C-alpha cells in the first residue's frame, strides 16, 4: 500500500470521530498495536531528540523497504509514533523522502497537541526521513 493510500485511510478513520477525546482514545489504541522496538534497542542513540517524553525509533532495511519499530513512555506519544510507523514502515526510502505529511493537518493532529508534543511530532518525522536518507544514500553508493 502506498504512503498516500495509508494517509487517506487514516484521514477516513479519524473523521469517524466527532470530538477530540474520541480521537485521542483512538490514538492510544493505535499505540497499543504499535510494533514494539526490542528492549535491547532502547538505547540513547535510538531516542528521538526534541520529544518531551522518551520515544525510541529503530529502522531496518528488508527487501528494499524500511521497517520501523518504536516505543514511548507516554501513551499519547506512543499513539503519535504509531500513526507515523503505520504511514512510513514497509516503504522504500525514496517514497518516505518524497512523502508530504499534510494528512497530519487534515486529521487535525497538530492543532490539538501541546506545542512541545507538536515539536516532538516534527522531530519524529524528521528522524524517519533521516533514516530514509541514510538508506537511500547507502543504496546509491
N, C-alpha and C. Protein backbone atom coordinates (compact mmCIF):
# COMPACT_ATOMS: atom_id res chain seq x y z
N UNK A 1 0.84 -1.18 0.00
CA UNK A 1 0.00 0.00 0.00
C UNK A 1 0.89 1.25 0.00
N UNK A 2 0.53 2.24 -0.76
CA UNK A 2 1.35 3.46 -0.85
C UNK A 2 1.17 4.32 0.40
N UNK A 3 2.11 5.21 0.60
CA UNK A 3 2.03 6.15 1.73
C UNK A 3 0.75 6.98 1.62
N UNK A 4 0.44 7.44 0.42
CA UNK A 4 -0.75 8.27 0.22
C UNK A 4 -2.02 7.49 0.58
N UNK A 5 -2.09 6.21 0.19
CA UNK A 5 -3.26 5.39 0.48
C UNK A 5 -3.42 5.19 1.99
N UNK A 6 -2.30 4.97 2.68
CA UNK A 6 -2.35 4.80 4.14
C UNK A 6 -2.80 6.10 4.80
N UNK A 7 -2.29 7.23 4.30
CA UNK A 7 -2.69 8.53 4.85
C UNK A 7 -4.19 8.75 4.65
N UNK A 8 -4.71 8.41 3.47
CA UNK A 8 -6.15 8.54 3.21
C UNK A 8 -6.95 7.67 4.17
N UNK A 9 -6.47 6.47 4.41
CA UNK A 9 -7.12 5.54 5.34
C UNK A 9 -7.20 6.16 6.74
N UNK A 10 -6.09 6.76 7.17
CA UNK A 10 -6.05 7.40 8.49
C UNK A 10 -7.00 8.59 8.55
N UNK A 11 -7.05 9.40 7.49
CA UNK A 11 -7.96 10.55 7.45
C UNK A 11 -9.40 10.05 7.59
N UNK A 12 -9.74 8.98 6.87
CA UNK A 12 -11.09 8.40 6.96
C UNK A 12 -11.37 7.89 8.37
N UNK A 13 -10.40 7.19 8.96
CA UNK A 13 -10.59 6.64 10.30
C UNK A 13 -10.81 7.75 11.33
N UNK A 14 -9.98 8.80 11.27
CA UNK A 14 -10.11 9.88 12.24
C UNK A 14 -11.39 10.69 12.03
N UNK A 15 -11.88 10.74 10.78
CA UNK A 15 -13.10 11.52 10.52
C UNK A 15 -14.35 10.84 11.08
N UNK A 16 -14.23 9.57 11.47
CA UNK A 16 -15.38 8.87 12.06
C UNK A 16 -15.70 9.37 13.47
N UNK A 17 -14.74 10.05 14.10
CA UNK A 17 -14.93 10.50 15.47
C UNK A 17 -15.36 11.96 15.50
N UNK A 18 -16.34 12.25 16.36
CA UNK A 18 -16.91 13.59 16.42
C UNK A 18 -16.04 14.58 17.20
N UNK A 19 -15.41 14.10 18.26
CA UNK A 19 -14.63 15.04 19.06
C UNK A 19 -13.23 14.52 19.31
N UNK A 20 -12.41 15.41 19.85
CA UNK A 20 -11.00 15.06 20.02
C UNK A 20 -10.74 14.07 21.13
N UNK A 21 -11.63 13.98 22.11
CA UNK A 21 -11.43 12.96 23.15
C UNK A 21 -11.50 11.57 22.52
N UNK A 22 -12.44 11.38 21.60
CA UNK A 22 -12.55 10.08 20.91
C UNK A 22 -11.31 9.83 20.04
N UNK A 23 -10.83 10.88 19.40
CA UNK A 23 -9.64 10.73 18.56
C UNK A 23 -8.41 10.40 19.40
N UNK A 24 -8.29 11.02 20.57
CA UNK A 24 -7.18 10.68 21.47
C UNK A 24 -7.26 9.23 21.90
N UNK A 25 -8.48 8.78 22.24
CA UNK A 25 -8.67 7.37 22.64
C UNK A 25 -8.26 6.44 21.51
N UNK A 26 -8.63 6.82 20.28
CA UNK A 26 -8.27 6.02 19.12
C UNK A 26 -6.74 5.98 18.95
N UNK A 27 -6.11 7.14 19.14
CA UNK A 27 -4.64 7.19 19.03
C UNK A 27 -3.98 6.32 20.09
N UNK A 28 -4.53 6.32 21.28
CA UNK A 28 -4.00 5.49 22.36
C UNK A 28 -4.14 4.02 21.98
N UNK A 29 -5.29 3.66 21.37
CA UNK A 29 -5.49 2.28 20.89
C UNK A 29 -4.47 1.92 19.81
N UNK A 30 -4.21 2.86 18.89
CA UNK A 30 -3.20 2.63 17.86
C UNK A 30 -1.84 2.39 18.49
N UNK A 31 -1.55 3.13 19.54
CA UNK A 31 -0.29 2.98 20.26
C UNK A 31 -0.13 1.59 20.85
N UNK A 32 -1.26 1.01 21.28
CA UNK A 32 -1.21 -0.34 21.86
C UNK A 32 -0.89 -1.40 20.80
N UNK A 33 -1.17 -1.10 19.54
CA UNK A 33 -0.90 -2.07 18.47
C UNK A 33 0.42 -1.80 17.75
N UNK A 34 1.19 -0.87 18.29
CA UNK A 34 2.47 -0.48 17.69
C UNK A 34 3.45 -1.65 17.68
N UNK A 35 4.13 -1.90 16.52
CA UNK A 35 5.19 -2.91 16.53
C UNK A 35 6.34 -2.42 17.41
N UNK A 36 6.47 -3.03 18.58
CA UNK A 36 7.41 -2.52 19.58
C UNK A 36 8.86 -2.80 19.25
N UNK A 37 9.67 -1.88 19.61
CA UNK A 37 11.11 -1.98 19.47
C UNK A 37 11.61 -3.01 20.51
N UNK A 38 12.61 -3.78 20.16
CA UNK A 38 13.19 -4.72 21.13
C UNK A 38 13.78 -3.95 22.30
N UNK A 39 13.62 -4.49 23.49
CA UNK A 39 14.11 -3.82 24.70
C UNK A 39 15.59 -3.45 24.60
N UNK A 40 16.41 -4.34 24.01
CA UNK A 40 17.85 -4.05 23.93
C UNK A 40 18.16 -2.91 22.96
N UNK A 41 17.18 -2.52 22.14
CA UNK A 41 17.38 -1.39 21.22
C UNK A 41 16.94 -0.05 21.84
N UNK A 42 16.43 -0.10 23.05
CA UNK A 42 16.03 1.14 23.73
C UNK A 42 17.27 1.81 24.30
N UNK A 43 18.10 2.30 23.40
CA UNK A 43 19.35 2.95 23.78
C UNK A 43 19.27 4.44 23.46
N UNK A 44 20.19 5.19 24.01
CA UNK A 44 20.18 6.65 23.82
C UNK A 44 20.28 7.05 22.36
N UNK A 45 21.00 6.27 21.55
CA UNK A 45 21.15 6.63 20.14
C UNK A 45 19.85 6.42 19.35
N UNK A 46 18.89 5.69 19.92
CA UNK A 46 17.59 5.48 19.27
C UNK A 46 16.54 6.48 19.76
N UNK A 47 16.89 7.26 20.78
CA UNK A 47 15.94 8.26 21.29
C UNK A 47 15.79 9.40 20.29
N UNK A 48 14.57 9.86 20.12
CA UNK A 48 14.34 11.00 19.23
C UNK A 48 14.55 12.28 20.02
N UNK A 49 15.44 13.10 19.52
CA UNK A 49 15.73 14.38 20.17
C UNK A 49 14.57 15.35 19.90
N UNK A 50 14.24 16.15 20.89
CA UNK A 50 13.18 17.14 20.70
C UNK A 50 11.82 16.68 21.17
N UNK A 51 11.75 15.48 21.74
CA UNK A 51 10.48 14.99 22.28
C UNK A 51 10.48 15.20 23.79
N UNK A 52 9.34 15.63 24.30
CA UNK A 52 9.18 15.84 25.73
C UNK A 52 9.27 14.50 26.47
N UNK A 53 8.60 13.49 25.94
CA UNK A 53 8.68 12.16 26.53
C UNK A 53 9.71 11.35 25.76
N UNK A 54 10.04 10.18 26.28
CA UNK A 54 11.02 9.35 25.60
C UNK A 54 10.36 8.60 24.44
N UNK A 55 10.96 8.70 23.27
CA UNK A 55 10.49 7.96 22.09
C UNK A 55 11.72 7.31 21.47
N UNK A 56 11.66 5.98 21.37
CA UNK A 56 12.73 5.23 20.72
C UNK A 56 12.25 4.83 19.35
N UNK A 57 13.11 4.98 18.35
CA UNK A 57 12.77 4.61 16.98
C UNK A 57 13.92 3.81 16.39
N UNK A 58 13.58 2.66 15.83
CA UNK A 58 14.58 1.83 15.17
C UNK A 58 14.14 1.59 13.74
N UNK A 59 15.10 1.39 12.87
CA UNK A 59 14.77 1.09 11.47
C UNK A 59 15.67 -0.02 10.97
N UNK A 60 15.12 -0.83 10.09
CA UNK A 60 15.88 -1.88 9.41
C UNK A 60 15.48 -1.87 7.95
N UNK A 61 16.41 -2.27 7.11
CA UNK A 61 16.13 -2.37 5.69
C UNK A 61 15.88 -3.84 5.37
N UNK A 62 14.70 -4.14 4.80
CA UNK A 62 14.37 -5.50 4.38
C UNK A 62 13.71 -5.44 3.01
N UNK A 63 14.27 -6.16 2.07
CA UNK A 63 13.72 -6.18 0.70
C UNK A 63 13.50 -4.78 0.14
N UNK A 64 14.50 -3.93 0.28
CA UNK A 64 14.46 -2.54 -0.22
C UNK A 64 13.42 -1.67 0.46
N UNK A 65 12.87 -2.11 1.58
CA UNK A 65 11.88 -1.30 2.30
C UNK A 65 12.35 -1.12 3.74
N UNK A 66 11.99 0.02 4.30
CA UNK A 66 12.37 0.31 5.69
C UNK A 66 11.26 -0.18 6.62
N UNK A 67 11.68 -0.90 7.65
CA UNK A 67 10.75 -1.37 8.68
C UNK A 67 11.07 -0.57 9.94
N UNK A 68 10.08 0.15 10.44
CA UNK A 68 10.26 0.92 11.67
C UNK A 68 9.62 0.20 12.85
N UNK A 69 10.29 0.23 13.98
CA UNK A 69 9.69 -0.18 15.25
C UNK A 69 9.96 0.95 16.22
N UNK A 70 9.08 1.08 17.21
CA UNK A 70 9.20 2.23 18.12
C UNK A 70 8.53 1.92 19.45
N UNK A 71 8.77 2.80 20.38
CA UNK A 71 8.08 2.74 21.67
C UNK A 71 8.21 4.11 22.32
N UNK A 72 7.33 4.36 23.29
CA UNK A 72 7.39 5.60 24.06
C UNK A 72 6.94 5.31 25.48
N UNK A 73 7.38 6.17 26.37
CA UNK A 73 6.96 6.02 27.77
C UNK A 73 5.69 6.81 28.08
N UNK A 74 5.09 7.45 27.07
CA UNK A 74 3.85 8.22 27.25
C UNK A 74 2.79 7.71 26.26
N UNK A 75 1.57 7.54 26.74
CA UNK A 75 0.55 6.89 25.89
C UNK A 75 0.15 7.71 24.66
N UNK A 76 0.01 9.01 24.80
CA UNK A 76 -0.34 9.84 23.63
C UNK A 76 0.80 9.82 22.62
N UNK A 77 2.01 9.99 23.12
CA UNK A 77 3.18 9.98 22.23
C UNK A 77 3.31 8.64 21.53
N UNK A 78 3.01 7.57 22.24
CA UNK A 78 3.06 6.24 21.65
C UNK A 78 2.05 6.14 20.51
N UNK A 79 0.89 6.76 20.68
CA UNK A 79 -0.12 6.81 19.62
C UNK A 79 0.35 7.60 18.42
N UNK A 80 1.03 8.71 18.67
CA UNK A 80 1.54 9.55 17.58
C UNK A 80 2.57 8.78 16.76
N UNK A 81 3.53 8.15 17.44
CA UNK A 81 4.57 7.42 16.70
C UNK A 81 3.95 6.21 16.00
N UNK A 82 2.89 5.63 16.58
CA UNK A 82 2.20 4.50 15.94
C UNK A 82 1.60 4.92 14.60
N UNK A 83 1.02 6.13 14.55
CA UNK A 83 0.46 6.66 13.30
C UNK A 83 1.58 6.80 12.27
N UNK A 84 2.71 7.36 12.68
CA UNK A 84 3.83 7.57 11.75
C UNK A 84 4.45 6.25 11.30
N UNK A 85 4.58 5.30 12.20
CA UNK A 85 5.12 3.98 11.83
C UNK A 85 4.19 3.34 10.79
N UNK A 86 2.89 3.46 11.01
CA UNK A 86 1.92 2.89 10.06
C UNK A 86 2.08 3.51 8.67
N UNK A 87 2.31 4.81 8.64
CA UNK A 87 2.44 5.51 7.35
C UNK A 87 3.76 5.17 6.66
N UNK A 88 4.87 5.18 7.40
CA UNK A 88 6.19 5.10 6.77
C UNK A 88 6.84 3.73 6.77
N UNK A 89 6.37 2.80 7.60
CA UNK A 89 7.00 1.48 7.63
C UNK A 89 6.64 0.69 6.38
N UNK A 90 7.52 -0.20 5.96
CA UNK A 90 7.32 -1.02 4.76
C UNK A 90 7.27 -0.18 3.48
N UNK A 91 8.00 0.92 3.47
CA UNK A 91 8.07 1.78 2.29
C UNK A 91 9.52 1.90 1.85
N UNK A 92 9.70 2.20 0.56
CA UNK A 92 11.04 2.42 0.05
C UNK A 92 11.54 3.79 0.52
N UNK A 93 12.86 3.91 0.73
CA UNK A 93 13.40 5.18 1.22
C UNK A 93 12.97 6.40 0.41
N UNK A 94 13.00 6.29 -0.91
CA UNK A 94 12.65 7.45 -1.74
C UNK A 94 11.20 7.86 -1.53
N UNK A 95 10.31 6.88 -1.35
CA UNK A 95 8.88 7.19 -1.11
C UNK A 95 8.72 7.96 0.20
N UNK A 96 9.50 7.60 1.21
CA UNK A 96 9.45 8.29 2.50
C UNK A 96 9.97 9.72 2.34
N UNK A 97 11.08 9.85 1.62
CA UNK A 97 11.66 11.18 1.40
C UNK A 97 10.71 12.08 0.62
N UNK A 98 9.99 11.51 -0.35
CA UNK A 98 9.09 12.30 -1.20
C UNK A 98 7.74 12.58 -0.54
N UNK A 99 7.41 11.83 0.50
CA UNK A 99 6.07 11.94 1.10
C UNK A 99 5.86 13.28 1.79
N UNK A 100 4.67 13.83 1.60
CA UNK A 100 4.33 15.00 2.41
C UNK A 100 3.54 14.50 3.62
N UNK A 101 3.39 15.36 4.58
CA UNK A 101 2.71 14.95 5.81
C UNK A 101 1.49 15.84 6.06
N UNK A 102 0.84 16.28 4.99
CA UNK A 102 -0.35 17.12 5.10
C UNK A 102 -1.49 16.41 5.83
N UNK A 103 -1.48 15.07 5.79
CA UNK A 103 -2.55 14.33 6.45
C UNK A 103 -2.62 14.65 7.94
N UNK A 104 -1.50 15.03 8.53
CA UNK A 104 -1.47 15.39 9.96
C UNK A 104 -2.36 16.60 10.22
N UNK A 105 -2.30 17.57 9.30
CA UNK A 105 -3.17 18.74 9.42
C UNK A 105 -4.62 18.35 9.12
N UNK A 106 -4.80 17.46 8.14
CA UNK A 106 -6.15 17.06 7.77
C UNK A 106 -6.88 16.32 8.88
N UNK A 107 -6.15 15.53 9.67
CA UNK A 107 -6.82 14.86 10.79
C UNK A 107 -6.85 15.78 12.02
N UNK A 108 -6.22 16.95 11.91
CA UNK A 108 -6.27 17.95 12.98
C UNK A 108 -5.32 17.66 14.13
N UNK A 109 -4.36 16.79 13.88
CA UNK A 109 -3.48 16.35 14.95
C UNK A 109 -2.63 17.49 15.53
N UNK A 110 -1.94 18.20 14.65
CA UNK A 110 -1.01 19.22 15.12
C UNK A 110 -1.69 20.30 15.97
N UNK A 111 -2.88 20.71 15.55
CA UNK A 111 -3.57 21.78 16.28
C UNK A 111 -4.11 21.34 17.63
N UNK A 112 -4.21 20.03 17.85
CA UNK A 112 -4.72 19.52 19.11
C UNK A 112 -3.61 18.98 20.03
N UNK A 113 -2.39 19.27 19.67
CA UNK A 113 -1.27 18.87 20.51
C UNK A 113 -0.70 20.09 21.21
N UNK A 114 -0.12 19.87 22.37
CA UNK A 114 0.58 20.96 23.04
C UNK A 114 1.78 21.34 22.17
N UNK A 115 2.31 22.55 22.30
CA UNK A 115 3.47 22.94 21.49
C UNK A 115 4.65 21.97 21.61
N UNK A 116 4.90 21.45 22.82
CA UNK A 116 6.02 20.53 22.97
C UNK A 116 5.75 19.20 22.26
N UNK A 117 4.50 18.72 22.30
CA UNK A 117 4.17 17.48 21.58
C UNK A 117 4.22 17.71 20.07
N UNK A 118 3.76 18.88 19.62
CA UNK A 118 3.81 19.21 18.19
C UNK A 118 5.27 19.23 17.71
N UNK A 119 6.16 19.80 18.54
CA UNK A 119 7.59 19.79 18.21
C UNK A 119 8.11 18.36 18.15
N UNK A 120 7.67 17.54 19.08
CA UNK A 120 8.06 16.13 19.10
C UNK A 120 7.61 15.41 17.84
N UNK A 121 6.39 15.70 17.40
CA UNK A 121 5.86 15.12 16.17
C UNK A 121 6.75 15.47 14.99
N UNK A 122 7.14 16.73 14.88
CA UNK A 122 8.04 17.18 13.81
C UNK A 122 9.38 16.45 13.91
N UNK A 123 9.88 16.28 15.14
CA UNK A 123 11.15 15.57 15.34
C UNK A 123 11.05 14.10 14.91
N UNK A 124 9.91 13.47 15.19
CA UNK A 124 9.70 12.07 14.80
C UNK A 124 9.75 11.93 13.27
N UNK A 125 9.04 12.81 12.59
CA UNK A 125 9.01 12.78 11.11
C UNK A 125 10.41 13.02 10.57
N UNK A 126 11.09 14.01 11.14
CA UNK A 126 12.44 14.34 10.69
C UNK A 126 13.37 13.14 10.84
N UNK A 127 13.27 12.43 11.98
CA UNK A 127 14.14 11.28 12.23
C UNK A 127 13.83 10.15 11.24
N UNK A 128 12.56 9.92 10.95
CA UNK A 128 12.19 8.86 10.00
C UNK A 128 12.74 9.20 8.61
N UNK A 129 12.67 10.47 8.25
CA UNK A 129 13.19 10.89 6.95
C UNK A 129 14.73 10.81 6.92
N UNK A 130 15.36 11.06 8.07
CA UNK A 130 16.82 10.93 8.14
C UNK A 130 17.25 9.48 7.93
N UNK A 131 16.51 8.54 8.54
CA UNK A 131 16.80 7.12 8.31
C UNK A 131 16.64 6.80 6.83
N UNK A 132 15.56 7.29 6.22
CA UNK A 132 15.31 7.04 4.80
C UNK A 132 16.44 7.59 3.95
N UNK A 133 16.90 8.80 4.28
CA UNK A 133 18.00 9.43 3.54
C UNK A 133 19.28 8.58 3.66
N UNK A 134 19.54 8.11 4.87
CA UNK A 134 20.74 7.29 5.09
C UNK A 134 20.68 6.00 4.25
N UNK A 135 19.53 5.34 4.25
CA UNK A 135 19.39 4.10 3.45
C UNK A 135 19.47 4.41 1.96
N UNK A 136 18.87 5.51 1.55
CA UNK A 136 18.90 5.92 0.14
C UNK A 136 20.33 6.18 -0.30
N UNK A 137 21.08 6.89 0.52
CA UNK A 137 22.47 7.23 0.22
C UNK A 137 23.31 5.95 0.15
N UNK A 138 23.06 5.04 1.08
CA UNK A 138 23.75 3.74 1.12
C UNK A 138 23.48 2.96 -0.18
N UNK A 139 22.23 2.96 -0.59
CA UNK A 139 21.84 2.21 -1.79
C UNK A 139 22.47 2.79 -3.05
N UNK A 140 22.67 4.10 -3.06
CA UNK A 140 23.21 4.76 -4.25
C UNK A 140 24.73 4.72 -4.31
N UNK A 141 25.39 4.30 -3.23
CA UNK A 141 26.86 4.33 -3.25
C UNK A 141 27.44 2.99 -3.64
